[in-house]
Amino acid sequence: MTTSIFFDDALRMLVNAFLLSALLLIAFSGLGLAVIETMEKSGIRVDAKRLH
C-alpha cells in the first residue's frame, strides 16, 4: 500500500503553512514592539552590559 498525496494537496498545505507562519511572525513582532514601547513608557531600563 502506497501512501501518497496529490500535488495540489501538498501545495495547498505548504501555502497554508507559509501564510500561518507569516501571520504568526507579524503578530509576535507586534506583541514584542508593544512590550518594548510599554517598557520605554514606564521607564524600565535594560543595561546591555548585564545581558552578556
C-alpha atoms as a PDB file:
ATOM      1  CA  MET A   1       0.000   0.000   0.000  1.00  0.00           C
ATOM      2  CA  THR A   2       1.457   3.317  -1.031  1.00  0.00           C
ATOM      3  CA  THR A   3       0.694   6.439   0.923  1.00  0.00           C
ATOM      4  CA  SER A   4       0.907   9.411  -1.385  1.00  0.00           C
ATOM      5  CA  ILE A   5      -0.773  12.788  -1.648  1.00  0.00           C
ATOM      6  CA  PHE A   6      -1.605  14.704  -4.741  1.00  0.00           C
ATOM      7  CA  PHE A   7       0.483  17.683  -5.772  1.00  0.00           C
ATOM      8  CA  ASP A   8      -2.341  20.196  -5.330  1.00  0.00           C
ATOM      9  CA  ASP A   9      -2.986  18.943  -1.781  1.00  0.00           C
ATOM     10  CA  ALA A  10       0.701  19.194  -0.912  1.00  0.00           C
ATOM     11  CA  LEU A  11       0.908  22.664  -2.442  1.00  0.00           C
ATOM     12  CA  ARG A  12      -2.174  23.786  -0.506  1.00  0.00           C
ATOM     13  CA  MET A  13      -0.628  22.534   2.749  1.00  0.00           C
ATOM     14  CA  LEU A  14       2.623  24.366   2.037  1.00  0.00           C
ATOM     15  CA  VAL A  15       0.797  27.599   1.188  1.00  0.00           C
ATOM     16  CA  ASN A  16      -1.304  27.352   4.352  1.00  0.00           C
ATOM     17  CA  ALA A  17       1.789  26.727   6.468  1.00  0.00           C
ATOM     18  CA  PHE A  18       3.559  29.696   4.875  1.00  0.00           C
ATOM     19  CA  LEU A  19       0.597  32.027   5.416  1.00  0.00           C
ATOM     20  CA  LEU A  20       0.201  30.860   9.007  1.00  0.00           C
ATOM     21  CA  SER A  21       3.887  31.422   9.733  1.00  0.00           C
ATOM     22  CA  ALA A  22       3.748  34.899   8.177  1.00  0.00           C
ATOM     23  CA  LEU A  23       0.701  35.830  10.270  1.00  0.00           C
ATOM     24  CA  LEU A  24       2.334  34.498  13.440  1.00  0.00           C
ATOM     25  CA  LEU A  25       5.507  36.439  12.682  1.00  0.00           C
ATOM     26  CA  ILE A  26       3.533  39.665  12.246  1.00  0.00           C
ATOM     27  CA  ALA A  27       1.513  39.023  15.414  1.00  0.00           C
ATOM     28  CA  PHE A  28       4.528  38.241  17.605  1.00  0.00           C
ATOM     29  CA  SER A  29       6.559  41.147  16.258  1.00  0.00           C
ATOM     30  CA  GLY A  30       3.646  43.469  17.033  1.00  0.00           C
ATOM     31  CA  LEU A  31       3.448  41.994  20.514  1.00  0.00           C
ATOM     32  CA  GLY A  32       7.191  42.448  21.006  1.00  0.00           C
ATOM     33  CA  LEU A  33       7.017  46.062  19.862  1.00  0.00           C
ATOM     34  CA  ALA A  34       4.123  46.684  22.260  1.00  0.00           C
ATOM     35  CA  VAL A  35       6.161  45.244  25.128  1.00  0.00           C
ATOM     36  CA  ILE A  36       9.168  47.402  24.239  1.00  0.00           C
ATOM     37  CA  GLU A  37       7.001  50.510  23.974  1.00  0.00           C
ATOM     38  CA  THR A  38       5.425  49.756  27.366  1.00  0.00           C
ATOM     39  CA  MET A  39       8.859  49.308  28.913  1.00  0.00           C
ATOM     40  CA  GLU A  40      10.029  52.619  27.457  1.00  0.00           C
ATOM     41  CA  LYS A  41       6.956  54.467  28.709  1.00  0.00           C
ATOM     42  CA  SER A  42       7.252  53.014  32.202  1.00  0.00           C
ATOM     43  CA  GLY A  43      10.934  53.943  32.424  1.00  0.00           C
ATOM     44  CA  ILE A  44      12.317  50.414  32.763  1.00  0.00           C
ATOM     45  CA  ARG A  45      15.984  50.494  31.808  1.00  0.00           C
ATOM     46  CA  VAL A  46      17.813  47.448  30.490  1.00  0.00           C
ATOM     47  CA  ASP A  47      21.582  47.509  30.760  1.00  0.00           C
ATOM     48  CA  ALA A  48      23.032  45.814  27.695  1.00  0.00           C
ATOM     49  CA  LYS A  49      26.303  45.041  29.502  1.00  0.00           C
ATOM     50  CA  ARG A  50      24.466  42.834  32.011  1.00  0.00           C
ATOM     51  CA  LEU A  51      22.875  40.759  29.241  1.00  0.00           C
ATOM     52  CA  HIS A  52      26.189  39.156  28.212  1.00  0.00           C
END
